[in-house]
Amino acid sequence: MRRRRLSLVSTLTERRKAATQLDIAHAAAELFVERGPDGTTTEEIARRAGVALRTFYRYFRSKQDAVGPLLAGGADRWRALLAATEPGTSAPEALERAIAQALSVPDEQAADGLRRTRGLLRAAEHDPALRAVWYRVNQESEDKLVPVVAEIAGTDADPLEVRLAAAAATDAIRIALEAWATTDADVEGPDSPAALAVRCLRELMGGMRLVGLGKGAA
């Protein structure tokens, strides 16, 4: 009983930490879009998030680092969608479906999330530290994606092809979002992030042999 109680307390503590980190990330993103990273201080981010400055530095090393949880959240969501692929689906098809679904806008909250990302990517054009956070998030996402793709492709899949597919899928999303951020295109339609990412994926995977037998294939 005591062990279970300690586990529950630990879980609640981790949830509170994650919620605080996300509050800070939202505050940082809002200020970066409004004023740019150069026009924003860590004190202002902490104040808008409703936390003490020491709390800010407990979780983040710099103001640019603070938006990491927001950028990583999208990657976590699309990997989860990919992991839920139905058995029998080929790897390329699974990647395309997951990307299209992850970048879709079923509601205004999803649309706002994409617009916020656009604002951050525009701000990153003039801020090397913010760009570094963006690239780091993408690299971490690619690394986490490899075992997910491997499971879908099956045990007979070439490990190199699996790595290439993970890199292609990650870059497809990154390039699509970066290209979209330079325009005023809508969150839906032929020039939306979802449409651009699917196009990028098809181009990048065009020469790959990774077909797979589907999730759980032997």
N, C-alpha and C. Protein backbone atom coordinates (compact mmCIF):
# COMPACT_ATOMS: atom_id res chain seq x y z
N MET A 1 0.82 -1.21 0.00
CA MET A 1 0.00 0.00 0.00
C MET A 1 0.86 1.26 0.00
N ARG A 2 1.90 1.25 0.85
CA ARG A 2 2.79 2.41 0.94
C ARG A 2 3.51 2.64 -0.39
N ARG A 3 3.95 1.54 -1.02
CA ARG A 3 4.63 1.67 -2.32
C ARG A 3 3.70 2.25 -3.37
N ARG A 4 2.45 1.81 -3.35
CA ARG A 4 1.47 2.32 -4.31
C ARG A 4 1.21 3.80 -4.08
N ARG A 5 1.14 4.20 -2.79
CA ARG A 5 0.92 5.61 -2.47
C ARG A 5 2.09 6.46 -2.95
N LEU A 6 3.31 5.97 -2.75
CA LEU A 6 4.49 6.70 -3.20
C LEU A 6 4.51 6.83 -4.72
N SER A 7 4.09 5.77 -5.41
CA SER A 7 4.04 5.80 -6.86
C SER A 7 3.03 6.82 -7.35
N LEU A 8 1.88 6.90 -6.67
CA LEU A 8 0.85 7.87 -7.04
C LEU A 8 1.34 9.28 -6.84
N VAL A 9 2.01 9.53 -5.71
CA VAL A 9 2.56 10.85 -5.43
C VAL A 9 3.58 11.24 -6.49
N SER A 10 4.44 10.28 -6.86
CA SER A 10 5.45 10.54 -7.89
C SER A 10 4.81 10.89 -9.22
N THR A 11 3.74 10.16 -9.57
CA THR A 11 3.05 10.42 -10.83
C THR A 11 2.42 11.81 -10.84
N LEU A 12 1.78 12.17 -9.75
CA LEU A 12 1.16 13.50 -9.64
C LEU A 12 2.21 14.59 -9.71
N THR A 13 3.35 14.36 -9.07
CA THR A 13 4.43 15.34 -9.10
C THR A 13 4.94 15.54 -10.52
N GLU A 14 5.12 14.45 -11.25
CA GLU A 14 5.60 14.54 -12.64
C GLU A 14 4.58 15.27 -13.51
N ARG A 15 3.30 15.03 -13.25
CA ARG A 15 2.27 15.72 -14.03
C ARG A 15 2.28 17.22 -13.76
N ARG A 16 2.48 17.59 -12.48
CA ARG A 16 2.54 19.01 -12.15
C ARG A 16 3.75 19.67 -12.80
N LYS A 17 4.88 18.95 -12.81
CA LYS A 17 6.07 19.48 -13.45
C LYS A 17 5.84 19.69 -14.94
N ALA A 18 5.23 18.69 -15.58
CA ALA A 18 4.96 18.78 -17.01
C ALA A 18 4.01 19.94 -17.32
N ALA A 19 3.00 20.13 -16.45
CA ALA A 19 2.04 21.21 -16.65
C ALA A 19 2.73 22.57 -16.50
N THR A 20 3.63 22.68 -15.53
CA THR A 20 4.36 23.93 -15.33
C THR A 20 5.26 24.22 -16.52
N GLN A 21 5.95 23.20 -17.01
CA GLN A 21 6.80 23.37 -18.18
C GLN A 21 6.00 23.85 -19.39
N LEU A 22 4.82 23.28 -19.56
CA LEU A 22 3.99 23.65 -20.70
C LEU A 22 3.47 25.08 -20.54
N ASP A 23 3.13 25.48 -19.33
CA ASP A 23 2.69 26.86 -19.09
C ASP A 23 3.80 27.84 -19.46
N ILE A 24 5.02 27.51 -19.07
CA ILE A 24 6.16 28.37 -19.40
C ILE A 24 6.39 28.39 -20.90
N ALA A 25 6.26 27.23 -21.54
CA ALA A 25 6.46 27.13 -22.98
C ALA A 25 5.44 27.99 -23.73
N HIS A 26 4.18 27.93 -23.31
CA HIS A 26 3.15 28.75 -23.95
C HIS A 26 3.45 30.23 -23.77
N ALA A 27 3.86 30.61 -22.59
CA ALA A 27 4.18 32.02 -22.32
C ALA A 27 5.33 32.48 -23.20
N ALA A 28 6.38 31.66 -23.30
CA ALA A 28 7.53 32.01 -24.13
C ALA A 28 7.13 32.15 -25.59
N ALA A 29 6.33 31.20 -26.09
CA ALA A 29 5.91 31.24 -27.49
C ALA A 29 5.09 32.49 -27.78
N GLU A 30 4.19 32.82 -26.89
CA GLU A 30 3.36 34.02 -27.08
C GLU A 30 4.23 35.28 -27.17
N LEU A 31 5.18 35.39 -26.27
CA LEU A 31 6.04 36.57 -26.24
C LEU A 31 6.98 36.61 -27.44
N PHE A 32 7.48 35.46 -27.86
CA PHE A 32 8.36 35.43 -29.02
C PHE A 32 7.62 35.88 -30.27
N VAL A 33 6.38 35.44 -30.41
CA VAL A 33 5.58 35.83 -31.57
C VAL A 33 5.26 37.32 -31.52
N GLU A 34 4.98 37.82 -30.33
CA GLU A 34 4.63 39.24 -30.17
C GLU A 34 5.83 40.16 -30.34
N ARG A 35 6.96 39.80 -29.72
CA ARG A 35 8.10 40.72 -29.63
C ARG A 35 9.38 40.20 -30.23
N GLY A 36 9.42 38.90 -30.52
CA GLY A 36 10.66 38.30 -30.96
C GLY A 36 11.51 37.90 -29.77
N PRO A 37 12.41 36.93 -29.94
CA PRO A 37 13.25 36.50 -28.82
C PRO A 37 14.11 37.64 -28.25
N ASP A 38 14.64 38.50 -29.12
CA ASP A 38 15.48 39.60 -28.64
C ASP A 38 14.71 40.58 -27.77
N GLY A 39 13.42 40.71 -28.04
CA GLY A 39 12.60 41.66 -27.28
C GLY A 39 11.93 41.05 -26.07
N THR A 40 12.32 39.82 -25.74
CA THR A 40 11.71 39.09 -24.63
C THR A 40 12.77 38.71 -23.61
N THR A 41 12.46 38.87 -22.34
CA THR A 41 13.39 38.45 -21.28
C THR A 41 12.83 37.24 -20.55
N THR A 42 13.70 36.52 -19.88
CA THR A 42 13.24 35.38 -19.09
C THR A 42 12.31 35.83 -17.97
N GLU A 43 12.57 37.02 -17.44
CA GLU A 43 11.71 37.55 -16.37
C GLU A 43 10.29 37.75 -16.88
N GLU A 44 10.16 38.23 -18.11
CA GLU A 44 8.83 38.45 -18.68
C GLU A 44 8.12 37.12 -18.95
N ILE A 45 8.88 36.14 -19.38
CA ILE A 45 8.28 34.82 -19.61
C ILE A 45 7.77 34.25 -18.30
N ALA A 46 8.60 34.31 -17.26
CA ALA A 46 8.20 33.78 -15.96
C ALA A 46 6.96 34.50 -15.43
N ARG A 47 6.96 35.82 -15.60
CA ARG A 47 5.83 36.60 -15.10
C ARG A 47 4.54 36.24 -15.82
N ARG A 48 4.61 36.09 -17.15
CA ARG A 48 3.40 35.74 -17.89
C ARG A 48 2.95 34.31 -17.55
N ALA A 49 3.89 33.42 -17.28
CA ALA A 49 3.53 32.05 -16.93
C ALA A 49 3.06 31.93 -15.49
N GLY A 50 3.27 32.99 -14.69
CA GLY A 50 2.85 32.96 -13.30
C GLY A 50 3.74 32.14 -12.41
N VAL A 51 5.05 32.11 -12.74
CA VAL A 51 6.00 31.36 -11.91
C VAL A 51 7.15 32.27 -11.52
N ALA A 52 7.89 31.83 -10.51
CA ALA A 52 9.07 32.58 -10.09
C ALA A 52 10.19 32.36 -11.10
N LEU A 53 11.12 33.31 -11.15
CA LEU A 53 12.24 33.18 -12.09
C LEU A 53 13.07 31.94 -11.79
N ARG A 54 13.23 31.63 -10.51
CA ARG A 54 14.00 30.43 -10.16
C ARG A 54 13.30 29.15 -10.65
N THR A 55 11.96 29.19 -10.72
CA THR A 55 11.22 28.06 -11.25
C THR A 55 11.50 27.90 -12.74
N PHE A 56 11.57 29.02 -13.44
CA PHE A 56 11.90 28.99 -14.87
C PHE A 56 13.22 28.27 -15.08
N TYR A 57 14.24 28.68 -14.32
CA TYR A 57 15.57 28.11 -14.52
C TYR A 57 15.69 26.68 -13.96
N ARG A 58 14.73 26.27 -13.20
CA ARG A 58 14.71 24.88 -12.74
C ARG A 58 14.42 23.94 -13.91
N TYR A 59 13.69 24.45 -14.90
CA TYR A 59 13.28 23.62 -16.03
C TYR A 59 14.03 23.93 -17.33
N PHE A 60 14.45 25.17 -17.49
CA PHE A 60 15.04 25.57 -18.77
C PHE A 60 16.33 26.35 -18.58
N ARG A 61 17.26 26.14 -19.51
CA ARG A 61 18.56 26.82 -19.42
C ARG A 61 18.51 28.22 -20.02
N SER A 62 17.62 28.42 -20.97
CA SER A 62 17.55 29.71 -21.66
C SER A 62 16.12 30.00 -22.08
N LYS A 63 15.85 31.22 -22.50
CA LYS A 63 14.50 31.58 -22.92
C LYS A 63 14.11 30.81 -24.19
N GLN A 64 15.08 30.61 -25.10
CA GLN A 64 14.76 29.87 -26.32
C GLN A 64 14.44 28.40 -26.01
N ASP A 65 15.15 27.85 -25.05
CA ASP A 65 14.94 26.45 -24.68
C ASP A 65 13.52 26.22 -24.16
N ALA A 66 12.89 27.28 -23.69
CA ALA A 66 11.57 27.15 -23.06
C ALA A 66 10.49 26.69 -24.02
N VAL A 67 10.65 26.93 -25.32
CA VAL A 67 9.60 26.53 -26.26
C VAL A 67 9.75 25.07 -26.70
N GLY A 68 10.80 24.41 -26.24
CA GLY A 68 11.04 23.02 -26.62
C GLY A 68 9.85 22.10 -26.40
N PRO A 69 9.21 22.14 -25.23
CA PRO A 69 8.06 21.25 -25.00
C PRO A 69 6.92 21.42 -26.00
N LEU A 70 6.71 22.64 -26.46
CA LEU A 70 5.65 22.87 -27.45
C LEU A 70 6.02 22.23 -28.78
N LEU A 71 7.25 22.46 -29.22
CA LEU A 71 7.68 21.90 -30.49
C LEU A 71 7.75 20.38 -30.44
N ALA A 72 8.19 19.85 -29.31
CA ALA A 72 8.30 18.39 -29.16
C ALA A 72 6.93 17.73 -29.04
N GLY A 73 5.95 18.47 -28.53
CA GLY A 73 4.61 17.91 -28.35
C GLY A 73 4.00 17.43 -29.65
N GLY A 74 4.20 18.19 -30.72
CA GLY A 74 3.67 17.79 -32.01
C GLY A 74 4.31 16.51 -32.51
N ALA A 75 5.62 16.38 -32.29
CA ALA A 75 6.34 15.18 -32.71
C ALA A 75 5.87 13.97 -31.91
N ASP A 76 5.64 14.17 -30.62
CA ASP A 76 5.15 13.07 -29.78
C ASP A 76 3.79 12.58 -30.27
N ARG A 77 2.95 13.53 -30.65
CA ARG A 77 1.60 13.16 -31.10
C ARG A 77 1.66 12.34 -32.39
N TRP A 78 2.49 12.75 -33.33
CA TRP A 78 2.48 12.03 -34.60
C TRP A 78 3.16 10.67 -34.49
N ARG A 79 4.13 10.53 -33.58
CA ARG A 79 4.70 9.21 -33.35
C ARG A 79 3.68 8.27 -32.73
N ALA A 80 2.84 8.82 -31.84
CA ALA A 80 1.79 8.01 -31.23
C ALA A 80 0.79 7.54 -32.29
N LEU A 81 0.46 8.42 -33.22
CA LEU A 81 -0.44 8.04 -34.30
C LEU A 81 0.17 6.94 -35.16
N LEU A 82 1.46 7.07 -35.42
CA LEU A 82 2.15 6.06 -36.22
C LEU A 82 2.20 4.73 -35.49
N ALA A 83 2.46 4.77 -34.20
CA ALA A 83 2.54 3.53 -33.41
C ALA A 83 1.21 2.80 -33.37
N ALA A 84 0.12 3.54 -33.58
CA ALA A 84 -1.22 2.93 -33.54
C ALA A 84 -1.65 2.38 -34.90
N THR A 85 -0.71 2.30 -35.84
CA THR A 85 -1.01 1.79 -37.17
C THR A 85 -1.58 0.37 -37.12
N GLU A 86 -2.59 0.13 -37.91
CA GLU A 86 -3.21 -1.20 -37.93
C GLU A 86 -2.29 -2.21 -38.60
N PRO A 87 -2.29 -3.45 -38.12
CA PRO A 87 -1.46 -4.49 -38.73
C PRO A 87 -1.77 -4.64 -40.21
N GLY A 88 -0.73 -4.91 -40.99
CA GLY A 88 -0.91 -5.11 -42.42
C GLY A 88 -0.68 -3.87 -43.25
N THR A 89 -0.49 -2.73 -42.61
CA THR A 89 -0.26 -1.48 -43.33
C THR A 89 1.23 -1.36 -43.67
N SER A 90 1.53 -1.02 -44.92
CA SER A 90 2.93 -0.87 -45.31
C SER A 90 3.53 0.36 -44.62
N ALA A 91 4.84 0.36 -44.45
CA ALA A 91 5.51 1.47 -43.77
C ALA A 91 5.29 2.81 -44.46
N PRO A 92 5.47 2.91 -45.79
CA PRO A 92 5.23 4.20 -46.44
C PRO A 92 3.80 4.71 -46.26
N GLU A 93 2.84 3.80 -46.37
CA GLU A 93 1.44 4.19 -46.20
C GLU A 93 1.18 4.64 -44.77
N ALA A 94 1.75 3.92 -43.80
CA ALA A 94 1.56 4.27 -42.40
C ALA A 94 2.16 5.64 -42.10
N LEU A 95 3.34 5.90 -42.62
CA LEU A 95 3.99 7.20 -42.40
C LEU A 95 3.16 8.33 -43.00
N GLU A 96 2.68 8.12 -44.22
CA GLU A 96 1.90 9.16 -44.88
C GLU A 96 0.60 9.45 -44.14
N ARG A 97 -0.08 8.41 -43.71
CA ARG A 97 -1.35 8.61 -42.99
C ARG A 97 -1.12 9.34 -41.66
N ALA A 98 -0.08 8.92 -40.94
CA ALA A 98 0.19 9.53 -39.64
C ALA A 98 0.56 11.00 -39.78
N ILE A 99 1.36 11.31 -40.78
CA ILE A 99 1.76 12.70 -41.01
C ILE A 99 0.54 13.55 -41.36
N ALA A 100 -0.27 13.06 -42.29
CA ALA A 100 -1.46 13.81 -42.70
C ALA A 100 -2.40 14.04 -41.52
N GLN A 101 -2.56 13.02 -40.69
CA GLN A 101 -3.45 13.15 -39.53
C GLN A 101 -2.87 14.08 -38.48
N ALA A 102 -1.57 13.98 -38.24
CA ALA A 102 -0.94 14.81 -37.22
C ALA A 102 -0.99 16.29 -37.56
N LEU A 103 -0.93 16.60 -38.85
CA LEU A 103 -0.93 18.01 -39.28
C LEU A 103 -2.30 18.49 -39.72
N SER A 104 -3.32 17.66 -39.52
CA SER A 104 -4.68 18.09 -39.86
C SER A 104 -5.19 19.06 -38.80
N VAL A 105 -6.27 19.73 -39.10
CA VAL A 105 -6.82 20.73 -38.17
C VAL A 105 -8.30 20.42 -37.91
N PRO A 106 -8.58 19.44 -37.05
CA PRO A 106 -9.96 19.08 -36.76
C PRO A 106 -10.70 20.13 -35.96
N ASP A 107 -9.97 21.02 -35.31
CA ASP A 107 -10.61 22.07 -34.51
C ASP A 107 -9.72 23.30 -34.46
N GLU A 108 -10.25 24.36 -33.84
CA GLU A 108 -9.52 25.62 -33.79
C GLU A 108 -8.26 25.53 -32.94
N GLN A 109 -8.29 24.66 -31.97
CA GLN A 109 -7.10 24.49 -31.13
C GLN A 109 -5.92 23.97 -31.96
N ALA A 110 -6.19 23.01 -32.83
CA ALA A 110 -5.14 22.48 -33.70
C ALA A 110 -4.66 23.55 -34.67
N ALA A 111 -5.59 24.35 -35.19
CA ALA A 111 -5.22 25.43 -36.10
C ALA A 111 -4.34 26.45 -35.40
N ASP A 112 -4.70 26.79 -34.17
CA ASP A 112 -3.90 27.75 -33.39
C ASP A 112 -2.50 27.21 -33.14
N GLY A 113 -2.41 25.89 -32.91
CA GLY A 113 -1.11 25.29 -32.68
C GLY A 113 -0.20 25.42 -33.88
N LEU A 114 -0.74 25.21 -35.08
CA LEU A 114 0.05 25.37 -36.29
C LEU A 114 0.45 26.82 -36.50
N ARG A 115 -0.46 27.73 -36.24
CA ARG A 115 -0.13 29.15 -36.41
C ARG A 115 0.95 29.58 -35.42
N ARG A 116 0.90 29.03 -34.21
CA ARG A 116 1.93 29.34 -33.21
C ARG A 116 3.29 28.82 -33.69
N THR A 117 3.29 27.63 -34.28
CA THR A 117 4.54 27.08 -34.81
C THR A 117 5.07 27.96 -35.93
N ARG A 118 4.17 28.46 -36.77
CA ARG A 118 4.59 29.37 -37.84
C ARG A 118 5.27 30.60 -37.25
N GLY A 119 4.68 31.15 -36.21
CA GLY A 119 5.27 32.33 -35.58
C GLY A 119 6.64 32.04 -35.01
N LEU A 120 6.80 30.87 -34.39
CA LEU A 120 8.09 30.51 -33.81
C LEU A 120 9.14 30.29 -34.90
N LEU A 121 8.75 29.66 -36.00
CA LEU A 121 9.70 29.43 -37.08
C LEU A 121 10.11 30.73 -37.74
N ARG A 122 9.20 31.67 -37.83
CA ARG A 122 9.56 32.98 -38.37
C ARG A 122 10.52 33.70 -37.44
N ALA A 123 10.27 33.58 -36.15
CA ALA A 123 11.16 34.20 -35.17
C ALA A 123 12.54 33.54 -35.20
N ALA A 124 12.57 32.24 -35.48
CA ALA A 124 13.83 31.49 -35.48
C ALA A 124 14.74 31.90 -36.64
N GLU A 125 14.16 32.50 -37.68
CA GLU A 125 14.98 32.93 -38.82
C GLU A 125 16.08 33.89 -38.38
N HIS A 126 15.81 34.68 -37.36
CA HIS A 126 16.76 35.69 -36.92
C HIS A 126 17.36 35.38 -35.55
N ASP A 127 17.16 34.16 -35.08
CA ASP A 127 17.67 33.80 -33.76
C ASP A 127 18.31 32.40 -33.82
N PRO A 128 19.63 32.33 -33.88
CA PRO A 128 20.31 31.03 -33.98
C PRO A 128 19.99 30.09 -32.82
N ALA A 129 19.83 30.63 -31.62
CA ALA A 129 19.55 29.78 -30.45
C ALA A 129 18.19 29.12 -30.58
N LEU A 130 17.21 29.86 -31.11
CA LEU A 130 15.88 29.29 -31.30
C LEU A 130 15.89 28.26 -32.42
N ARG A 131 16.66 28.52 -33.47
CA ARG A 131 16.80 27.52 -34.54
C ARG A 131 17.44 26.25 -34.00
N ALA A 132 18.41 26.41 -33.11
CA ALA A 132 19.08 25.24 -32.54
C ALA A 132 18.10 24.37 -31.76
N VAL A 133 17.16 25.00 -31.06
CA VAL A 133 16.14 24.25 -30.33
C VAL A 133 15.27 23.48 -31.32
N TRP A 134 14.89 24.12 -32.40
CA TRP A 134 14.06 23.49 -33.42
C TRP A 134 14.77 22.28 -34.03
N TYR A 135 16.04 22.44 -34.36
CA TYR A 135 16.79 21.33 -34.95
C TYR A 135 16.99 20.20 -33.94
N ARG A 136 17.23 20.57 -32.69
CA ARG A 136 17.41 19.55 -31.65
C ARG A 136 16.15 18.73 -31.47
N VAL A 137 15.00 19.38 -31.44
CA VAL A 137 13.72 18.68 -31.30
C VAL A 137 13.51 17.71 -32.46
N ASN A 138 13.87 18.15 -33.67
CA ASN A 138 13.71 17.28 -34.83
C ASN A 138 14.65 16.08 -34.79
N GLN A 139 15.90 16.30 -34.33
CA GLN A 139 16.83 15.19 -34.23
C GLN A 139 16.38 14.18 -33.19
N GLU A 140 15.90 14.67 -32.06
CA GLU A 140 15.40 13.78 -31.02
C GLU A 140 14.19 13.00 -31.51
N SER A 141 13.34 13.66 -32.27
CA SER A 141 12.15 12.99 -32.82
C SER A 141 12.56 11.88 -33.78
N GLU A 142 13.55 12.16 -34.63
CA GLU A 142 14.02 11.14 -35.58
C GLU A 142 14.56 9.92 -34.85
N ASP A 143 15.34 10.16 -33.80
CA ASP A 143 15.91 9.05 -33.04
C ASP A 143 14.81 8.18 -32.42
N LYS A 144 13.78 8.82 -31.89
CA LYS A 144 12.68 8.09 -31.26
C LYS A 144 11.81 7.39 -32.30
N LEU A 145 11.86 7.88 -33.53
CA LEU A 145 11.00 7.33 -34.58
C LEU A 145 11.52 6.00 -35.12
N VAL A 146 12.83 5.80 -35.07
CA VAL A 146 13.43 4.60 -35.67
C VAL A 146 12.80 3.30 -35.18
N PRO A 147 12.68 3.06 -33.88
CA PRO A 147 12.07 1.79 -33.45
C PRO A 147 10.60 1.65 -33.84
N VAL A 148 9.90 2.78 -33.94
CA VAL A 148 8.49 2.73 -34.34
C VAL A 148 8.38 2.28 -35.80
N VAL A 149 9.22 2.86 -36.66
CA VAL A 149 9.23 2.46 -38.07
C VAL A 149 9.67 1.01 -38.21
N ALA A 150 10.66 0.60 -37.42
CA ALA A 150 11.15 -0.78 -37.48
C ALA A 150 10.05 -1.77 -37.16
N GLU A 151 9.24 -1.47 -36.17
CA GLU A 151 8.16 -2.38 -35.80
C GLU A 151 7.13 -2.49 -36.91
N ILE A 152 6.83 -1.37 -37.55
CA ILE A 152 5.83 -1.39 -38.63
C ILE A 152 6.38 -2.10 -39.85
N ALA A 153 7.65 -1.87 -40.17
CA ALA A 153 8.24 -2.45 -41.38
C ALA A 153 8.43 -3.97 -41.26
N GLY A 154 8.57 -4.47 -40.05
CA GLY A 154 8.74 -5.91 -39.87
C GLY A 154 10.19 -6.31 -39.69
N THR A 155 10.40 -7.52 -39.22
CA THR A 155 11.74 -7.98 -38.87
C THR A 155 12.65 -8.18 -40.07
N ASP A 156 12.09 -8.32 -41.26
CA ASP A 156 12.90 -8.53 -42.46
C ASP A 156 13.38 -7.21 -43.08
N ALA A 157 12.93 -6.10 -42.56
CA ALA A 157 13.28 -4.81 -43.14
C ALA A 157 14.77 -4.51 -42.95
N ASP A 158 15.36 -3.89 -43.95
CA ASP A 158 16.77 -3.48 -43.90
C ASP A 158 16.90 -2.34 -42.88
N PRO A 159 17.76 -2.49 -41.86
CA PRO A 159 17.93 -1.44 -40.85
C PRO A 159 18.30 -0.08 -41.44
N LEU A 160 19.07 -0.10 -42.54
CA LEU A 160 19.43 1.16 -43.18
C LEU A 160 18.20 1.83 -43.77
N GLU A 161 17.34 1.02 -44.41
CA GLU A 161 16.11 1.57 -44.97
C GLU A 161 15.20 2.13 -43.88
N VAL A 162 15.19 1.47 -42.73
CA VAL A 162 14.40 1.95 -41.60
C VAL A 162 14.91 3.31 -41.15
N ARG A 163 16.23 3.44 -41.02
CA ARG A 163 16.82 4.72 -40.61
C ARG A 163 16.51 5.81 -41.64
N LEU A 164 16.62 5.44 -42.91
CA LEU A 164 16.34 6.41 -43.97
C LEU A 164 14.88 6.86 -43.94
N ALA A 165 13.98 5.91 -43.69
CA ALA A 165 12.56 6.25 -43.63
C ALA A 165 12.27 7.18 -42.46
N ALA A 166 12.88 6.91 -41.31
CA ALA A 166 12.69 7.78 -40.15
C ALA A 166 13.21 9.18 -40.43
N ALA A 167 14.37 9.25 -41.08
CA ALA A 167 14.95 10.56 -41.42
C ALA A 167 14.07 11.29 -42.43
N ALA A 168 13.58 10.54 -43.43
CA ALA A 168 12.74 11.14 -44.47
C ALA A 168 11.44 11.69 -43.88
N ALA A 169 10.82 10.92 -43.00
CA ALA A 169 9.56 11.35 -42.40
C ALA A 169 9.76 12.60 -41.53
N THR A 170 10.84 12.58 -40.76
CA THR A 170 11.13 13.74 -39.90
C THR A 170 11.41 14.97 -40.74
N ASP A 171 12.24 14.81 -41.77
CA ASP A 171 12.58 15.95 -42.62
C ASP A 171 11.38 16.42 -43.43
N ALA A 172 10.50 15.50 -43.80
CA ALA A 172 9.31 15.89 -44.55
C ALA A 172 8.47 16.88 -43.75
N ILE A 173 8.28 16.59 -42.48
CA ILE A 173 7.51 17.49 -41.62
C ILE A 173 8.26 18.78 -41.39
N ARG A 174 9.55 18.68 -41.09
CA ARG A 174 10.35 19.88 -40.81
C ARG A 174 10.37 20.82 -42.01
N ILE A 175 10.67 20.28 -43.17
CA ILE A 175 10.76 21.11 -44.37
C ILE A 175 9.40 21.71 -44.72
N ALA A 176 8.35 20.90 -44.59
CA ALA A 176 7.01 21.39 -44.90
C ALA A 176 6.63 22.56 -44.00
N LEU A 177 6.87 22.42 -42.71
CA LEU A 177 6.53 23.50 -41.77
C LEU A 177 7.38 24.74 -42.02
N GLU A 178 8.66 24.54 -42.30
CA GLU A 178 9.53 25.68 -42.57
C GLU A 178 9.09 26.41 -43.84
N ALA A 179 8.76 25.65 -44.89
CA ALA A 179 8.32 26.26 -46.14
C ALA A 179 6.99 26.98 -45.95
N TRP A 180 6.06 26.34 -45.24
CA TRP A 180 4.75 26.94 -44.98
C TRP A 180 4.89 28.22 -44.16
N ALA A 181 5.83 28.23 -43.23
CA ALA A 181 6.00 29.40 -42.35
C ALA A 181 6.45 30.64 -43.11
N THR A 182 7.03 30.45 -44.29
CA THR A 182 7.48 31.61 -45.07
C THR A 182 6.35 32.21 -45.89
N THR A 183 5.18 31.57 -45.87
CA THR A 183 4.04 32.03 -46.65
C THR A 183 2.89 32.43 -45.72
N ASP A 184 1.82 32.88 -46.33
CA ASP A 184 0.60 33.19 -45.59
C ASP A 184 -0.50 32.17 -45.92
N ALA A 185 -0.09 30.99 -46.39
CA ALA A 185 -1.05 29.95 -46.75
C ALA A 185 -1.85 29.52 -45.53
N ASP A 186 -3.06 29.04 -45.79
CA ASP A 186 -3.96 28.63 -44.71
C ASP A 186 -3.48 27.32 -44.08
N VAL A 187 -4.08 26.96 -42.96
CA VAL A 187 -3.75 25.72 -42.27
C VAL A 187 -4.38 24.51 -42.95
N GLU A 188 -5.25 24.76 -43.91
CA GLU A 188 -5.88 23.69 -44.70
C GLU A 188 -5.74 24.02 -46.17
N GLY A 189 -5.89 22.99 -47.01
CA GLY A 189 -5.83 23.23 -48.44
C GLY A 189 -4.55 22.71 -49.08
N PRO A 190 -4.35 22.99 -50.38
CA PRO A 190 -3.22 22.43 -51.13
C PRO A 190 -1.85 22.91 -50.67
N ASP A 191 -1.78 24.05 -50.00
CA ASP A 191 -0.49 24.58 -49.53
C ASP A 191 -0.37 24.52 -48.01
N SER A 192 -1.20 23.70 -47.38
CA SER A 192 -1.18 23.55 -45.93
C SER A 192 0.01 22.70 -45.49
N PRO A 193 0.36 22.71 -44.21
CA PRO A 193 1.44 21.86 -43.72
C PRO A 193 1.23 20.38 -44.03
N ALA A 194 -0.01 19.90 -43.88
CA ALA A 194 -0.29 18.49 -44.14
C ALA A 194 -0.02 18.14 -45.60
N ALA A 195 -0.51 18.96 -46.52
CA ALA A 195 -0.32 18.69 -47.95
C ALA A 195 1.15 18.77 -48.34
N LEU A 196 1.85 19.76 -47.82
CA LEU A 196 3.27 19.91 -48.14
C LEU A 196 4.09 18.76 -47.57
N ALA A 197 3.75 18.32 -46.35
CA ALA A 197 4.51 17.24 -45.72
C ALA A 197 4.33 15.93 -46.47
N VAL A 198 3.13 15.64 -46.90
CA VAL A 198 2.88 14.42 -47.67
C VAL A 198 3.65 14.47 -48.99
N ARG A 199 3.64 15.63 -49.62
CA ARG A 199 4.40 15.80 -50.87
C ARG A 199 5.89 15.58 -50.64
N CYS A 200 6.41 16.17 -49.56
CA CYS A 200 7.83 16.01 -49.23
C CYS A 200 8.16 14.55 -48.96
N LEU A 201 7.30 13.87 -48.22
CA LEU A 201 7.54 12.47 -47.88
C LEU A 201 7.62 11.62 -49.14
N ARG A 202 6.69 11.82 -50.06
CA ARG A 202 6.68 11.02 -51.29
C ARG A 202 7.95 11.26 -52.09
N GLU A 203 8.39 12.51 -52.15
CA GLU A 203 9.62 12.82 -52.88
C GLU A 203 10.83 12.18 -52.21
N LEU A 204 10.92 12.28 -50.90
CA LEU A 204 12.07 11.78 -50.18
C LEU A 204 12.14 10.25 -50.15
N MET A 205 10.98 9.59 -50.16
CA MET A 205 10.95 8.13 -50.09
C MET A 205 10.80 7.48 -51.45
N GLY A 206 10.83 8.28 -52.49
CA GLY A 206 10.60 7.76 -53.84
C GLY A 206 11.51 6.63 -54.25
N GLY A 207 12.76 6.68 -53.82
CA GLY A 207 13.71 5.66 -54.24
C GLY A 207 13.93 4.55 -53.23
N MET A 208 13.18 4.57 -52.14
CA MET A 208 13.39 3.56 -51.10
C MET A 208 12.65 2.26 -51.43
N ARG A 209 13.23 1.18 -50.94
CA ARG A 209 12.62 -0.13 -51.13
C ARG A 209 11.81 -0.58 -49.93
N LEU A 210 11.78 0.27 -48.89
CA LEU A 210 11.11 -0.10 -47.66
C LEU A 210 9.61 -0.19 -47.90
N VAL A 211 9.10 -1.38 -47.94
CA VAL A 211 7.66 -1.59 -48.11
C VAL A 211 7.12 -2.28 -46.87
N GLY A 212 7.76 -3.32 -46.44
CA GLY A 212 7.35 -4.01 -45.22
C GLY A 212 6.06 -4.79 -45.42
N LEU A 213 5.82 -5.66 -44.49
CA LEU A 213 4.60 -6.47 -44.52
C LEU A 213 3.55 -5.93 -43.58
N GLY A 214 3.92 -4.87 -42.88
CA GLY A 214 2.97 -4.30 -41.93
C GLY A 214 3.39 -4.53 -40.50
N LYS A 215 2.76 -3.85 -39.58
CA LYS A 215 3.11 -3.92 -38.17
C LYS A 215 3.06 -5.36 -37.68
N GLY A 216 4.15 -5.72 -37.02
CA GLY A 216 4.22 -7.06 -36.43
C GLY A 216 4.57 -8.15 -37.44
N ALA A 217 4.97 -7.74 -38.64
CA ALA A 217 5.29 -8.75 -39.65
C ALA A 217 6.52 -9.53 -39.25
N ALA A 218 6.57 -10.78 -39.66
CA ALA A 218 7.71 -11.65 -39.33
C ALA A 218 8.63 -11.78 -40.54
